[in-house]
Protein backbone atom coordinates (compact mmCIF):
# COMPACT_ATOMS: atom_id res chain seq x y z
CA UNK A 1 -108.67 -190.59 -46.09
CA UNK A 2 -105.08 -190.29 -47.46
CA UNK A 3 -103.15 -187.55 -46.87
CA UNK A 4 -99.86 -187.45 -49.93
CA UNK A 5 -97.12 -184.93 -50.67
CA UNK A 6 -96.13 -185.55 -53.83
CA UNK A 7 -97.09 -185.54 -57.06
CA UNK A 8 -95.84 -189.40 -57.55
CA UNK A 9 -97.72 -189.88 -54.75
CA UNK A 10 -100.58 -188.66 -55.65
CA UNK A 11 -100.70 -190.47 -59.13
CA UNK A 12 -99.92 -193.87 -57.64
CA UNK A 13 -103.11 -192.36 -54.75
CA UNK A 14 -105.38 -192.35 -57.54
CA UNK A 15 -103.93 -194.39 -59.94
CA UNK A 16 -106.76 -197.89 -59.33
CA UNK A 17 -109.86 -194.72 -59.97
CA UNK A 18 -111.39 -194.00 -62.74
CA UNK A 19 -112.90 -190.10 -62.08
CA UNK A 20 -111.61 -187.93 -60.05
CA UNK A 21 -113.93 -185.18 -57.78
CA UNK A 22 -111.58 -182.35 -57.70
CA UNK A 23 -111.72 -179.38 -55.41
CA UNK A 24 -108.52 -177.14 -54.95
CA UNK A 25 -107.97 -175.15 -52.58
CA UNK A 26 -105.50 -173.10 -50.35
CA UNK A 27 -106.59 -174.21 -46.85
CA UNK A 28 -107.87 -172.57 -43.95
CA UNK A 29 -111.16 -174.30 -44.77
CA UNK A 30 -114.56 -173.22 -44.34
CA UNK A 31 -117.86 -174.64 -45.01
CA UNK A 32 -118.18 -173.10 -48.65
CA UNK A 33 -114.98 -175.40 -49.83
CA UNK A 34 -116.66 -178.33 -47.94
CA UNK A 35 -119.83 -178.36 -49.38
CA UNK A 36 -117.61 -177.95 -52.62
CA UNK A 37 -116.20 -181.65 -51.39
CA UNK A 38 -119.63 -182.78 -50.76
CA UNK A 39 -120.62 -182.09 -54.30
CA UNK A 40 -117.82 -183.99 -55.38
CA UNK A 41 -118.84 -187.28 -53.76
CA UNK A 42 -121.58 -187.51 -55.58
CA UNK A 43 -119.75 -186.49 -59.21
CA UNK A 44 -116.65 -188.97 -59.71
CA UNK A 45 -115.31 -192.41 -57.58
CA UNK A 46 -112.63 -190.19 -55.79
CA UNK A 47 -113.03 -187.36 -54.29
CA UNK A 48 -109.31 -185.36 -53.35
CA UNK A 49 -109.02 -182.26 -52.38
CA UNK A 50 -105.74 -179.56 -52.67
CA UNK A 51 -104.14 -177.53 -50.03
CA UNK A 52 -101.73 -175.16 -51.29
CA UNK A 53 -101.08 -171.65 -50.59
CA UNK A 54 -99.41 -170.60 -54.38
CA UNK A 55 -96.94 -168.18 -53.67
CA UNK A 56 -97.25 -167.32 -57.52
CA UNK A 57 -101.20 -165.66 -57.23
CA UNK A 58 -99.84 -163.35 -54.74
CA UNK A 59 -98.29 -159.68 -55.01
CA UNK A 60 -94.90 -158.70 -53.15
CA UNK A 61 -97.32 -156.63 -50.95
CA UNK A 62 -100.09 -159.20 -50.05
CA UNK A 63 -100.73 -162.11 -47.26
CA UNK A 64 -98.56 -165.34 -47.99
CA UNK A 65 -96.22 -165.37 -45.50
CA UNK A 66 -99.23 -164.88 -43.31
CA UNK A 67 -101.53 -166.52 -44.72
CA UNK A 68 -103.07 -168.96 -42.13
CA UNK A 69 -101.73 -172.48 -42.26
CA UNK A 70 -104.52 -174.94 -40.92
CA UNK A 71 -103.17 -178.65 -42.43
CA UNK A 72 -104.38 -181.04 -39.18
CA UNK A 73 -107.67 -179.07 -38.49
CA UNK A 74 -108.57 -178.85 -42.67
CA UNK A 75 -107.92 -182.92 -43.31
CA UNK A 76 -109.98 -183.67 -39.87
CA UNK A 77 -113.07 -181.32 -41.28
CA UNK A 78 -112.09 -183.17 -45.46
CA UNK A 79 -112.60 -186.06 -44.28
CA UNK A 80 -116.06 -185.77 -42.41
CA UNK A 81 -117.17 -184.02 -45.50
CA UNK A 82 -116.04 -187.48 -47.18
CA UNK A 83 -112.49 -186.20 -48.97
CA UNK A 84 -111.27 -189.48 -49.97
CA UNK A 85 -107.22 -187.65 -50.86
CA UNK A 86 -105.61 -185.26 -50.06
CA UNK A 87 -102.87 -183.77 -51.67
CA UNK A 88 -100.78 -181.05 -49.70
CA UNK A 89 -97.51 -180.58 -50.92
CA UNK A 90 -94.81 -178.64 -50.22
CA UNK A 91 -93.94 -175.81 -52.29
CA UNK A 92 -90.81 -177.47 -53.29
CA UNK A 93 -92.98 -180.70 -54.02
CA UNK A 94 -95.17 -178.31 -56.46
CA UNK A 95 -92.20 -176.28 -58.01
CA UNK A 96 -88.95 -178.46 -58.10
CA UNK A 97 -87.60 -175.47 -59.78
CA UNK A 98 -88.61 -172.14 -60.87
CA UNK A 99 -92.28 -171.87 -62.49
CA UNK A 100 -91.08 -170.49 -65.93
CA UNK A 101 -93.57 -171.64 -68.39
CA UNK A 102 -96.53 -170.02 -66.91
CA UNK A 103 -100.51 -169.74 -68.25
CA UNK A 104 -101.25 -166.05 -69.38
CA UNK A 105 -105.07 -165.23 -69.31
CA UNK A 106 -106.63 -162.96 -72.21
CA UNK A 107 -106.34 -159.76 -70.83
CA UNK A 108 -110.20 -158.44 -71.48
CA UNK A 109 -110.56 -161.40 -68.95
CA UNK A 110 -107.75 -161.20 -66.76
CA UNK A 111 -106.96 -157.94 -66.46
CA UNK A 112 -110.29 -156.15 -65.22
CA UNK A 113 -112.22 -156.13 -61.83
CA UNK A 114 -109.85 -158.32 -59.99
CA UNK A 115 -106.71 -158.45 -62.62
CA UNK A 116 -106.82 -154.63 -62.24
CA UNK A 117 -106.03 -154.20 -58.51
CA UNK A 118 -103.91 -157.08 -58.47
CA UNK A 119 -101.63 -157.61 -61.76
CA UNK A 120 -100.44 -161.06 -62.33
CA UNK A 121 -103.46 -162.94 -59.99
CA UNK A 122 -104.66 -164.85 -62.85
CA UNK A 123 -101.48 -166.29 -64.52
CA UNK A 124 -100.40 -167.34 -60.92
CA UNK A 125 -104.44 -168.91 -60.53
CA UNK A 126 -103.48 -170.57 -64.36
CA UNK A 127 -100.73 -171.84 -63.56
CA UNK A 128 -101.25 -173.49 -60.33
CA UNK A 129 -104.60 -174.93 -61.40
CA UNK A 130 -103.35 -176.49 -64.79
CA UNK A 131 -100.55 -178.01 -62.68
CA UNK A 132 -102.99 -179.35 -60.17
CA UNK A 133 -104.99 -180.38 -63.12
CA UNK A 134 -101.92 -182.49 -64.45
CA UNK A 135 -101.39 -183.77 -60.59
CA UNK A 136 -104.78 -184.99 -60.57
CA UNK A 137 -106.71 -185.75 -63.69
CA UNK A 138 -103.00 -187.51 -65.87
CA UNK A 139 -104.11 -191.16 -65.28
CA UNK A 140 -108.21 -190.12 -65.50
CA UNK A 141 -109.86 -192.54 -67.72
CA UNK A 142 -113.10 -191.77 -67.01
CA UNK A 143 -115.21 -188.19 -66.75
CA UNK A 144 -113.24 -185.64 -64.52
CA UNK A 145 -114.49 -183.10 -61.93
CA UNK A 146 -113.41 -179.47 -60.68
CA UNK A 147 -115.32 -178.08 -58.58
CA UNK A 148 -114.28 -174.16 -57.84
CA UNK A 149 -116.83 -171.87 -55.54
CA UNK A 150 -119.04 -168.92 -57.22
CA UNK A 151 -118.04 -166.26 -54.68
CA UNK A 152 -114.85 -165.85 -56.66
CA UNK A 153 -116.52 -165.11 -59.92
CA UNK A 154 -114.16 -163.95 -61.80
CA UNK A 155 -111.84 -166.77 -61.24
CA UNK A 156 -114.31 -168.99 -61.90
CA UNK A 157 -114.67 -167.44 -65.59
CA UNK A 158 -110.84 -167.73 -66.31
CA UNK A 159 -111.02 -171.26 -65.02
CA UNK A 160 -113.40 -172.41 -67.45
CA UNK A 161 -112.34 -170.44 -70.29
CA UNK A 162 -108.74 -171.81 -69.74
CA UNK A 163 -109.92 -175.51 -70.04
CA UNK A 164 -111.95 -174.40 -72.65
CA UNK A 165 -109.65 -173.34 -75.12
CA UNK A 166 -107.21 -176.08 -73.85
CA UNK A 167 -109.43 -178.38 -75.06
CA UNK A 168 -109.30 -179.95 -71.11
CA UNK A 169 -111.82 -183.22 -70.54
CA UNK A 170 -112.21 -181.39 -67.32
CA UNK A 171 -116.31 -180.30 -66.70
CA UNK A 172 -115.61 -177.47 -64.16
CA UNK A 173 -118.75 -177.55 -61.30
CA UNK A 174 -119.60 -173.55 -59.53
CA UNK A 175 -120.94 -174.44 -56.30
CA UNK A 176 -122.71 -171.53 -55.00
CA UNK A 177 -121.64 -168.66 -53.15
CA UNK A 178 -121.73 -170.20 -48.95
CA UNK A 179 -123.01 -167.74 -46.65
CA UNK A 180 -123.12 -167.05 -43.00
CA UNK A 181 -126.61 -166.15 -41.13
CA UNK A 182 -126.13 -162.06 -41.88
CA UNK A 183 -124.99 -163.15 -45.36
CA UNK A 184 -121.30 -161.73 -44.87
CA UNK A 185 -119.90 -164.85 -48.08
CA UNK A 186 -118.19 -166.94 -46.34
CA UNK A 187 -114.19 -166.87 -46.48
CA UNK A 188 -110.89 -167.74 -45.33
CA UNK A 189 -109.68 -163.77 -45.13
CA UNK A 190 -113.33 -163.66 -42.78
CA UNK A 191 -109.90 -164.62 -39.53
CA UNK A 192 -108.99 -161.91 -40.43
CA UNK A 193 -111.13 -159.56 -38.64
CA UNK A 194 -111.35 -157.95 -35.69
CA UNK A 195 -115.50 -158.61 -33.77
CA UNK A 196 -116.37 -155.11 -34.50
CA UNK A 197 -115.02 -155.51 -38.25
CA UNK A 198 -117.16 -158.95 -38.48
CA UNK A 199 -120.26 -156.77 -37.48
CA UNK A 200 -119.58 -154.18 -39.87
CA UNK A 201 -118.50 -156.46 -43.09
CA UNK A 202 -122.07 -157.65 -44.17
CA UNK A 203 -122.77 -153.96 -45.10
CA UNK A 204 -120.97 -155.47 -48.28
CA UNK A 205 -122.87 -157.85 -49.54
CA UNK A 206 -126.00 -155.57 -48.41
CA UNK A 207 -124.64 -152.72 -51.07
CA UNK A 208 -124.21 -155.90 -54.02
CA UNK A 209 -128.33 -155.83 -53.03
CA UNK A 210 -129.27 -152.84 -52.71
CA UNK A 211 -126.84 -151.81 -56.51
CA UNK A 212 -128.69 -155.03 -57.95
CA UNK A 213 -132.09 -153.96 -57.02
CA UNK A 214 -131.10 -150.37 -58.56
CA UNK A 215 -129.51 -151.85 -61.20
CA UNK A 216 -132.14 -154.52 -62.29
CA UNK A 217 -134.93 -151.33 -61.68
CA UNK A 218 -132.97 -148.74 -64.47
CA UNK A 219 -132.50 -152.00 -66.57
CA UNK A 220 -136.66 -152.72 -66.52
CA UNK A 221 -137.50 -148.98 -67.57
CA UNK A 222 -134.41 -148.58 -69.93
CA UNK A 223 -135.95 -149.25 -73.63
CA UNK A 224 -136.28 -145.98 -74.81
CA UNK A 225 -132.74 -144.84 -72.97
CA UNK A 226 -129.96 -145.35 -75.82
CA UNK A 227 -126.73 -147.36 -74.55
CA UNK A 228 -124.73 -144.35 -73.83
CA UNK A 229 -127.24 -143.24 -70.84
CA UNK A 230 -127.87 -146.20 -69.93
CA UNK A 231 -124.45 -146.33 -69.17
CA UNK A 232 -124.28 -143.73 -67.52
CA UNK A 233 -126.08 -143.59 -65.23
CA UNK A 234 -125.37 -147.01 -63.94
CA UNK A 235 -121.78 -145.83 -63.43
CA UNK A 236 -123.50 -143.61 -60.96
CA UNK A 237 -124.98 -146.37 -59.22
CA UNK A 238 -121.71 -148.00 -59.19
CA UNK A 239 -120.09 -144.01 -57.63
CA UNK A 240 -122.59 -143.77 -54.80
CA UNK A 241 -122.94 -147.11 -54.47
CA UNK A 242 -119.09 -147.17 -53.71
CA UNK A 243 -119.20 -143.74 -51.93
CA UNK A 244 -122.19 -144.63 -49.29
CA UNK A 245 -119.17 -148.00 -48.17
CA UNK A 246 -116.55 -146.07 -47.85
CA UNK A 247 -118.37 -144.07 -46.23
CA UNK A 248 -118.50 -146.11 -43.49
CA UNK A 249 -115.09 -146.37 -43.28
CA UNK A 250 -114.09 -148.73 -45.93
CA UNK A 251 -111.87 -148.25 -48.95
CA UNK A 252 -113.57 -149.72 -51.83
CA UNK A 253 -111.84 -151.44 -55.15
CA UNK A 254 -115.26 -151.39 -57.19
CA UNK A 255 -118.58 -152.10 -56.66
CA UNK A 256 -119.90 -152.72 -60.42
CA UNK A 257 -122.90 -154.25 -62.84
CA UNK A 258 -121.39 -156.59 -65.14
CA UNK A 259 -122.85 -158.88 -67.83
CA UNK A 260 -122.54 -162.92 -66.92
CA UNK A 261 -121.55 -164.31 -70.36
CA UNK A 262 -118.15 -161.81 -70.24
CA UNK A 263 -117.75 -159.65 -67.16
CA UNK A 264 -118.19 -156.54 -69.92
CA UNK A 265 -120.61 -153.20 -69.30
CA UNK A 266 -124.36 -154.62 -69.82
CA UNK A 267 -126.95 -154.29 -71.85
CA UNK A 268 -130.60 -154.07 -71.78
CA UNK A 269 -131.21 -157.98 -71.44
CA UNK A 270 -128.16 -159.02 -70.10
CA UNK A 271 -128.01 -161.84 -68.00
CA UNK A 272 -126.74 -159.68 -64.92
CA UNK A 273 -123.62 -160.01 -62.09
CA UNK A 274 -123.09 -157.26 -59.06
CA UNK A 275 -119.47 -158.17 -58.05
CA UNK A 276 -117.89 -156.30 -55.59
CA UNK A 277 -114.19 -155.64 -53.67
CA UNK A 278 -113.47 -153.46 -50.39
CA UNK A 279 -111.43 -153.21 -48.30
CA UNK A 280 -112.49 -153.05 -44.21
CA UNK A 281 -109.73 -152.63 -41.80
CA UNK A 282 -106.53 -154.93 -43.50
CA UNK A 283 -108.93 -157.31 -44.51
CA UNK A 284 -109.87 -157.53 -48.67
CA UNK A 285 -113.51 -158.67 -48.71
CA UNK A 286 -115.05 -159.55 -52.19
CA UNK A 287 -118.83 -160.66 -52.53
CA UNK A 288 -121.10 -161.60 -56.46
CA UNK A 289 -124.57 -161.54 -57.04
CA UNK A 290 -125.91 -162.60 -60.08
CA UNK A 291 -129.83 -161.11 -60.92
């Protein structure tokens, strides 16, 4: 496995290949990342992973400075998973001048849920992903693949829409959320949890499961309910779910039922997803469940 640090070195490494499969990460890897890498090995003729903690997607009060940097351990795990090339730029390599050109996702998608609670987050994500795409795929002649985990459900939707609207010749592949044995979604930030918090953390996925079951029962019986009444009853279920989680010591940003297609409020017969974000101690966790 080759480790490179500049866009020029990356393009040189990929020059002999035609069909990259790319997994962008911020490092501190877990089995969810490695599952994406293993999927990537079956798609292209070269598997590429990036490791870059992207300042643009962190708010000033967030954990950019303390986010774990574990490059040596990450590279060992990537090599074992079948990765061929790791792109691990320094900030000055990827942003040699201030990044004043940025990619802004539409407010209807990017200013709700995660975007509401983390203003500017998706601008940072879209900007760095677009730049990484240029680094990885600029010389590709064959099919191009980019793999993102479904745990970051809204992020995956934003990236898919960006690729579509810019007519990028890239197939975006969503990998299923990987979970611990007790159901906790794997996340690089799980390492922040104390032993007691780790035991409690599974309450988020259980809250989503319960809300999904309640919403499904409501939607099944909603044929005679007006859209306004349906929305009101869903909001009541969401509020009760948040109150129950917060009663356990969490500080919840949202637990909500949305339609999968655009994350707007659902109507009868929509395919649905329940999404949640909540803080346990100092650690903010997110999760989702399609149903």
